């Protein structure tokens, strides 16, 4: 954002007078805009315009055209918590729920952290301590290698070629836990761990400890026998992104402790540098993709900010969090191109158009 006070100081100097004491100087700088949090209930939400931010108005329509062409349902940009853009396409609306797909993995990671800080579990404990033995089809020795943290980091060692089923028969040994990164739905067993540790159902604990505290709406809906998928409005997804932008704090209340947040949003193991605790991380030296053991050099989204961390789901469900720009961006919709699990070239082109707003 261009600072506006230098021209003002020059005018005062030209006129041979001094600005008032409450004008910005090195000792009394221009105040930084405060972070905004929308009320827990109701539809009130402060806004900021493209003009307020001195962004490029001519870049707005090309971005919207691209989003609509690419089968988007909704798109939002928050800066310092305030809505800068909120757009709906193809019959979608602010009150219509949509699925998060794998972007909802980050909800599971967050609530696991909340349960740990409340003393119900430890992520370094073996999963069988909470679920009992036999939750996989592995030998007891291999099963006991798997910790909650391995589920958080996609390093459980299960065979990822066997599909989405997380029944014991389908959780089969491929490698020792911690030695192989592979995108696998076994992470969902963390919901069972939380339920067992807290003595509450997963939805009830999730609602009480996360959803209701930040004013989200939505629900977990069953998808197949073993999986549940979160559905919500776009604004609810944006609320979660805002919580993460503020390192787990909501309007002065620490919902998720900052140490866990920091661990969740930095490289969690040495195999896939672009992965935290179910969060994707931009700007790393290399990364892995789902269903691949190849190491790709460079940043996941080269056109996006290096400090960005991301919740990414099938058919291009997106939460982008950019700490350096105090920005949260949401995209919901159908697949931009061919059906994809999390990442696609849509991200790269989308970020070219987003960055054109402020560059």
Protein backbone atom coordinates (compact mmCIF):
# COMPACT_ATOMS: atom_id res chain seq x y z
CA UNK A 1 0.00 0.00 0.00
CA UNK A 2 1.42 3.42 -0.87
CA UNK A 3 1.96 5.58 2.21
CA UNK A 4 0.22 8.93 1.85
CA UNK A 5 1.86 10.99 4.53
CA UNK A 6 5.15 11.90 2.81
CA UNK A 7 3.45 14.26 0.34
CA UNK A 8 1.64 15.89 3.27
CA UNK A 9 4.93 16.53 5.06
CA UNK A 10 6.40 18.06 1.90
CA UNK A 11 3.48 20.47 1.68
CA UNK A 12 4.07 21.58 5.27
CA UNK A 13 7.78 22.07 4.55
CA UNK A 14 6.98 24.13 1.44
CA UNK A 15 4.66 26.34 3.46
CA UNK A 16 7.32 26.78 6.14
CA UNK A 17 5.30 25.30 8.96
CA UNK A 18 5.22 22.07 10.93
CA UNK A 19 2.52 19.46 11.01
CA UNK A 20 0.53 18.97 14.16
CA UNK A 21 1.91 16.61 16.76
CA UNK A 22 -0.63 13.94 15.87
CA UNK A 23 0.58 13.76 12.29
CA UNK A 24 2.96 10.89 11.47
CA UNK A 25 6.68 11.34 12.03
CA UNK A 26 9.46 8.91 12.88
CA UNK A 27 8.59 9.34 16.56
CA UNK A 28 4.83 9.28 15.90
CA UNK A 29 4.30 7.03 12.85
CA UNK A 30 1.13 6.56 10.89
CA UNK A 31 -0.96 4.08 12.86
CA UNK A 32 -1.21 0.56 11.47
CA UNK A 33 -4.75 -0.52 10.70
CA UNK A 34 -6.12 -2.81 13.37
CA UNK A 35 -7.13 -6.37 12.64
CA UNK A 36 -10.89 -6.75 12.35
CA UNK A 37 -12.96 -9.73 13.49
CA UNK A 38 -16.63 -9.96 12.48
CA UNK A 39 -19.16 -10.48 15.28
CA UNK A 40 -19.81 -14.09 16.23
CA UNK A 41 -23.47 -13.81 15.22
CA UNK A 42 -25.22 -11.97 12.43
CA UNK A 43 -24.09 -10.87 8.99
CA UNK A 44 -22.18 -7.70 9.90
CA UNK A 45 -18.69 -7.63 8.37
CA UNK A 46 -16.61 -4.53 7.73
CA UNK A 47 -15.42 -3.90 4.19
CA UNK A 48 -12.53 -2.18 2.46
CA UNK A 49 -12.59 -1.05 -1.15
CA UNK A 50 -10.03 -1.53 -3.89
CA UNK A 51 -9.70 2.26 -3.91
CA UNK A 52 -9.11 2.35 -0.13
CA UNK A 53 -6.16 0.01 -0.60
CA UNK A 54 -4.94 1.88 -3.67
CA UNK A 55 -5.04 -1.36 -5.61
CA UNK A 56 -5.44 -1.66 -9.36
CA UNK A 57 -9.15 -1.42 -10.21
CA UNK A 58 -8.51 -2.45 -13.81
CA UNK A 59 -7.32 -5.89 -12.61
CA UNK A 60 -10.63 -6.72 -10.92
CA UNK A 61 -12.72 -7.66 -13.94
CA UNK A 62 -10.11 -9.94 -15.55
CA UNK A 63 -9.89 -11.80 -12.22
CA UNK A 64 -13.67 -12.16 -11.98
CA UNK A 65 -13.95 -13.26 -15.60
CA UNK A 66 -11.31 -15.92 -15.04
CA UNK A 67 -13.00 -17.18 -11.88
CA UNK A 68 -16.36 -17.48 -13.61
CA UNK A 69 -14.86 -19.20 -16.65
CA UNK A 70 -13.17 -21.68 -14.32
CA UNK A 71 -16.43 -22.88 -12.73
CA UNK A 72 -16.08 -20.99 -9.46
CA UNK A 73 -18.96 -20.72 -7.01
CA UNK A 74 -17.48 -18.06 -4.74
CA UNK A 75 -14.42 -15.92 -4.15
CA UNK A 76 -13.42 -13.70 -1.22
CA UNK A 77 -10.45 -11.56 -0.27
CA UNK A 78 -9.94 -10.33 3.29
CA UNK A 79 -7.27 -7.79 4.22
CA UNK A 80 -6.80 -7.22 7.96
CA UNK A 81 -10.05 -9.16 8.35
CA UNK A 82 -12.11 -6.77 6.23
CA UNK A 83 -13.83 -7.92 3.05
CA UNK A 84 -12.24 -6.42 -0.07
CA UNK A 85 -13.91 -8.70 -2.60
CA UNK A 86 -16.87 -11.05 -2.18
CA UNK A 87 -18.26 -12.51 -5.37
CA UNK A 88 -20.61 -15.37 -6.20
CA UNK A 89 -21.04 -17.13 -9.51
CA UNK A 90 -23.21 -19.68 -11.29
CA UNK A 91 -26.22 -19.47 -8.99
CA UNK A 92 -24.24 -19.67 -5.73
CA UNK A 93 -24.91 -17.19 -2.90
CA UNK A 94 -23.59 -16.04 0.45
CA UNK A 95 -25.99 -18.42 2.24
CA UNK A 96 -25.35 -21.50 0.09
CA UNK A 97 -23.16 -24.18 1.69
CA UNK A 98 -20.46 -25.96 -0.32
CA UNK A 99 -18.01 -28.74 0.51
CA UNK A 100 -14.45 -28.10 1.66
CA UNK A 101 -13.13 -31.47 0.43
CA UNK A 102 -9.50 -31.91 1.57
CA UNK A 103 -9.25 -28.25 2.55
CA UNK A 104 -11.14 -29.49 5.62
CA UNK A 105 -8.10 -31.53 6.65
CA UNK A 106 -6.85 -28.33 8.26
CA UNK A 107 -9.93 -28.28 10.50
CA UNK A 108 -8.96 -31.73 11.75
CA UNK A 109 -5.37 -30.61 12.33
CA UNK A 110 -6.56 -27.55 14.25
CA UNK A 111 -8.97 -29.42 16.52
CA UNK A 112 -6.32 -32.06 17.20
CA UNK A 113 -4.11 -29.22 18.43
CA UNK A 114 -6.89 -27.85 20.61
CA UNK A 115 -7.43 -31.28 22.16
CA UNK A 116 -3.71 -31.52 22.89
CA UNK A 117 -3.54 -28.12 24.56
CA UNK A 118 -6.50 -29.09 26.73
CA UNK A 119 -4.57 -32.14 27.91
CA UNK A 120 -6.68 -34.82 26.23
CA UNK A 121 -3.95 -36.20 23.97
CA UNK A 122 -0.36 -35.89 22.82
CA UNK A 123 0.44 -35.88 19.12
CA UNK A 124 3.61 -37.88 19.77
CA UNK A 125 1.62 -40.76 21.30
CA UNK A 126 1.01 -43.85 19.19
CA UNK A 127 -2.47 -43.95 17.65
CA UNK A 128 -3.21 -47.35 19.17
CA UNK A 129 -3.01 -45.77 22.62
CA UNK A 130 -6.37 -44.12 21.78
CA UNK A 131 -7.95 -46.48 19.24
CA UNK A 132 -6.66 -49.78 20.59
CA UNK A 133 -4.64 -52.26 18.57
CA UNK A 134 -5.93 -53.66 15.30
CA UNK A 135 -7.01 -50.34 13.80
CA UNK A 136 -4.80 -51.31 10.83
CA UNK A 137 -3.97 -54.63 9.17
CA UNK A 138 -0.29 -54.19 9.96
CA UNK A 139 1.68 -56.27 12.43
CA UNK A 140 1.50 -54.99 15.98
CA UNK A 141 5.13 -53.89 15.85
CA UNK A 142 4.60 -51.81 12.71
CA UNK A 143 1.22 -50.44 13.85
CA UNK A 144 2.78 -49.26 17.10
CA UNK A 145 5.24 -47.13 15.15
CA UNK A 146 2.41 -44.88 13.94
CA UNK A 147 1.82 -41.76 16.04
CA UNK A 148 -0.79 -39.04 15.80
CA UNK A 149 1.91 -36.82 14.36
CA UNK A 150 2.50 -39.26 11.51
CA UNK A 151 -1.18 -38.89 10.59
CA UNK A 152 -0.85 -35.10 10.76
CA UNK A 153 2.17 -35.10 8.46
CA UNK A 154 1.11 -37.80 5.93
CA UNK A 155 3.98 -40.06 6.99
CA UNK A 156 1.99 -43.02 8.35
CA UNK A 157 3.63 -45.41 5.87
CA UNK A 158 0.35 -46.84 4.57
CA UNK A 159 -0.01 -48.00 0.99
CA UNK A 160 -1.56 -44.99 -0.76
CA UNK A 161 -2.48 -46.99 -3.88
CA UNK A 162 -5.45 -48.65 -2.17
CA UNK A 163 -7.95 -45.80 -2.35
CA UNK A 164 -9.89 -43.79 0.22
CA UNK A 165 -11.14 -46.61 2.44
CA UNK A 166 -9.71 -46.35 5.97
CA UNK A 167 -11.07 -49.61 7.33
CA UNK A 168 -8.42 -51.78 9.04
CA UNK A 169 -8.25 -54.13 6.04
CA UNK A 170 -7.35 -51.24 3.75
CA UNK A 171 -4.69 -49.69 5.98
CA UNK A 172 -1.78 -51.77 4.79
CA UNK A 173 1.94 -51.47 5.35
CA UNK A 174 4.10 -49.84 2.69
CA UNK A 175 6.94 -48.40 4.78
CA UNK A 176 7.81 -47.72 8.40
CA UNK A 177 6.00 -44.69 9.79
CA UNK A 178 8.07 -41.55 9.35
CA UNK A 179 10.11 -42.81 6.40
CA UNK A 180 7.75 -42.09 3.47
CA UNK A 181 5.44 -39.16 2.64
CA UNK A 182 2.22 -40.08 0.84
CA UNK A 183 -1.12 -38.28 0.66
CA UNK A 184 -3.55 -40.63 2.42
CA UNK A 185 -7.00 -40.42 3.97
CA UNK A 186 -5.73 -42.14 7.10
CA UNK A 187 -5.50 -38.64 8.63
CA UNK A 188 -9.26 -38.95 9.31
CA UNK A 189 -8.45 -41.41 12.11
CA UNK A 190 -7.40 -38.32 14.08
CA UNK A 191 -11.10 -37.53 14.41
CA UNK A 192 -11.55 -40.90 16.11
CA UNK A 193 -8.53 -40.18 18.31
CA UNK A 194 -10.03 -36.85 19.41
CA UNK A 195 -13.41 -38.46 20.08
CA UNK A 196 -11.85 -41.26 22.13
CA UNK A 197 -9.57 -38.89 24.05
CA UNK A 198 -12.27 -36.34 24.90
CA UNK A 199 -15.18 -38.72 25.41
CA UNK A 200 -17.24 -36.61 23.02
CA UNK A 201 -18.39 -37.15 19.46
CA UNK A 202 -16.14 -35.52 16.87
CA UNK A 203 -18.87 -33.09 15.64
CA UNK A 204 -19.79 -32.03 19.18
CA UNK A 205 -16.20 -31.35 20.22
CA UNK A 206 -15.44 -29.60 16.93
CA UNK A 207 -18.50 -27.37 17.22
CA UNK A 208 -17.86 -26.39 20.84
CA UNK A 209 -14.11 -25.84 20.61
CA UNK A 210 -13.73 -24.29 17.16
CA UNK A 211 -16.80 -23.66 15.04
CA UNK A 212 -18.96 -21.84 17.58
CA UNK A 213 -16.07 -19.83 19.06
CA UNK A 214 -15.38 -18.02 15.78
CA UNK A 215 -18.94 -17.78 14.46
CA UNK A 216 -18.68 -20.41 11.75
CA UNK A 217 -21.68 -22.33 10.53
CA UNK A 218 -21.69 -25.67 8.75
CA UNK A 219 -21.60 -29.38 9.47
CA UNK A 220 -19.71 -32.61 8.84
CA UNK A 221 -21.62 -34.77 6.36
CA UNK A 222 -20.89 -38.43 5.80
CA UNK A 223 -19.12 -39.34 2.56
CA UNK A 224 -18.94 -43.10 2.15
CA UNK A 225 -18.53 -45.40 5.14
CA UNK A 226 -15.42 -43.90 6.69
CA UNK A 227 -15.13 -40.24 5.73
CA UNK A 228 -16.95 -37.06 6.66
CA UNK A 229 -16.64 -33.85 4.67
CA UNK A 230 -17.22 -30.36 6.01
CA UNK A 231 -19.81 -28.15 4.30
CA UNK A 232 -20.24 -24.44 5.02
CA UNK A 233 -20.76 -21.03 3.50
CA UNK A 234 -17.87 -19.10 2.00
CA UNK A 235 -17.88 -16.65 4.90
CA UNK A 236 -17.48 -19.51 7.38
CA UNK A 237 -14.46 -20.72 5.46
CA UNK A 238 -13.13 -17.15 5.55
CA UNK A 239 -13.60 -17.01 9.34
CA UNK A 240 -11.37 -20.05 9.73
CA UNK A 241 -8.78 -18.49 7.43
CA UNK A 242 -8.87 -15.32 9.54
CA UNK A 243 -8.26 -17.35 12.70
CA UNK A 244 -5.20 -18.89 11.07
CA UNK A 245 -3.96 -15.53 9.79
CA UNK A 246 -3.91 -14.49 13.44
CA UNK A 247 -1.98 -17.58 14.60
CA UNK A 248 -4.92 -19.25 16.27
CA UNK A 249 -6.20 -16.14 18.03
CA UNK A 250 -9.70 -14.74 17.54
CA UNK A 251 -10.33 -11.16 18.71
CA UNK A 252 -8.02 -11.51 21.70
CA UNK A 253 -8.90 -15.09 22.60
CA UNK A 254 -6.33 -17.79 21.86
CA UNK A 255 -8.35 -20.68 20.39
CA UNK A 256 -5.30 -22.66 19.25
CA UNK A 257 -1.97 -22.17 20.99
CA UNK A 258 0.65 -20.40 18.92
CA UNK A 259 3.36 -23.04 19.31
CA UNK A 260 1.13 -25.68 17.71
CA UNK A 261 0.07 -23.21 15.02
CA UNK A 262 3.71 -22.50 14.18
CA UNK A 263 4.49 -26.21 13.94
CA UNK A 264 1.40 -26.81 11.79
CA UNK A 265 2.36 -24.12 9.26
CA UNK A 266 6.06 -24.91 8.85
CA UNK A 267 7.76 -27.91 7.26
CA UNK A 268 6.82 -30.92 9.40
CA UNK A 269 9.22 -33.59 8.09
CA UNK A 270 12.22 -33.76 5.75
CA UNK A 271 10.57 -35.57 2.82
CA UNK A 272 7.96 -33.09 1.56
CA UNK A 273 9.18 -29.60 2.47
CA UNK A 274 5.90 -28.12 1.26
CA UNK A 275 3.78 -29.79 3.93
CA UNK A 276 3.01 -28.96 7.56
CA UNK A 277 0.26 -30.50 9.69
CA UNK A 278 -2.23 -31.07 6.84
CA UNK A 279 -1.41 -27.56 5.53
CA UNK A 280 0.38 -26.98 2.21
CA UNK A 281 3.29 -24.53 2.39
CA UNK A 282 4.41 -22.25 -0.43
CA UNK A 283 7.90 -20.91 -1.01
CA UNK A 284 9.90 -24.02 -0.07
CA UNK A 285 12.89 -25.43 -1.96
CA UNK A 286 10.89 -28.43 -3.18
CA UNK A 287 7.65 -30.33 -2.66
CA UNK A 288 5.76 -33.55 -3.37
CA UNK A 289 2.30 -33.92 -4.91
CA UNK A 290 -0.47 -36.41 -4.06
CA UNK A 291 -0.08 -39.84 -5.67
CA UNK A 292 3.56 -39.17 -6.49
CA UNK A 293 6.90 -40.00 -4.91
CA UNK A 294 8.69 -37.48 -7.13
CA UNK A 295 10.37 -34.43 -5.63
CA UNK A 296 9.55 -31.26 -7.57
CA UNK A 297 11.99 -28.35 -7.24
CA UNK A 298 10.84 -24.86 -6.32
CA UNK A 299 7.69 -23.38 -4.84
CA UNK A 300 4.29 -25.07 -5.14
CA UNK A 301 2.74 -21.90 -6.60
CA UNK A 302 5.60 -19.83 -8.07
CA UNK A 303 3.30 -16.88 -8.76
CA UNK A 304 2.06 -16.80 -5.15
CA UNK A 305 3.70 -15.24 -2.08
CA UNK A 306 6.48 -17.31 -0.53
CA UNK A 307 5.07 -16.99 2.99
CA UNK A 308 1.65 -18.34 1.99
CA UNK A 309 0.19 -21.45 3.60
CA UNK A 310 -2.81 -23.17 2.11
CA UNK A 311 -5.77 -25.47 2.69
CA UNK A 312 -6.35 -27.17 -0.65
CA UNK A 313 -9.15 -29.55 -1.59
CA UNK A 314 -10.45 -31.59 -4.47
CA UNK A 315 -12.00 -29.60 -7.32
CA UNK A 316 -10.13 -26.46 -6.33
CA UNK A 317 -11.46 -25.64 -2.89
CA UNK A 318 -8.94 -23.10 -1.56
CA UNK A 319 -7.96 -21.20 1.55
CA UNK A 320 -4.86 -19.11 0.93
CA UNK A 321 -3.39 -17.36 3.99
CA UNK A 322 -0.71 -14.72 3.34
CA UNK A 323 0.71 -13.36 6.62
CA UNK A 324 2.94 -10.73 4.99
CA UNK A 325 -0.03 -9.08 3.33
CA UNK A 326 -2.50 -9.74 6.18
CA UNK A 327 -4.60 -11.45 3.55
CA UNK A 328 -6.98 -14.41 3.39
CA UNK A 329 -8.38 -15.61 0.06
CA UNK A 330 -11.17 -18.14 -0.44
CA UNK A 331 -12.24 -19.96 -3.59
CA UNK A 332 -15.06 -22.52 -3.69
CA UNK A 333 -16.51 -24.23 -6.73
CA UNK A 334 -16.29 -27.05 -9.21
CA UNK A 335 -12.98 -28.17 -10.68
CA UNK A 336 -11.39 -25.40 -12.70
CA UNK A 337 -10.24 -27.90 -15.30
CA UNK A 338 -10.02 -31.67 -15.01
CA UNK A 339 -10.93 -33.15 -11.64
CA UNK A 340 -7.96 -32.83 -9.31
CA UNK A 341 -7.19 -33.79 -5.73
CA UNK A 342 -5.65 -30.59 -4.43
CA UNK A 343 -3.21 -28.74 -6.68
CA UNK A 344 -3.54 -27.70 -10.33
CA UNK A 345 -2.19 -25.08 -12.72
CA UNK A 346 -5.32 -23.12 -11.86
CA UNK A 347 -3.50 -21.96 -8.71
CA UNK A 348 -0.64 -20.50 -10.70
CA UNK A 349 -2.79 -18.53 -13.16
CA UNK A 350 -5.18 -17.44 -10.41
CA UNK A 351 -2.27 -15.96 -8.46
CA UNK A 352 -1.05 -14.06 -11.51
CA UNK A 353 -4.45 -12.38 -11.60
CA UNK A 354 -4.68 -11.84 -7.83
CA UNK A 355 -1.22 -10.28 -7.64
CA UNK A 356 -2.14 -7.94 -10.51
CA UNK A 357 -4.54 -6.32 -8.06
CA UNK A 358 -1.78 -5.01 -5.81
CA UNK A 359 1.39 -5.02 -7.91
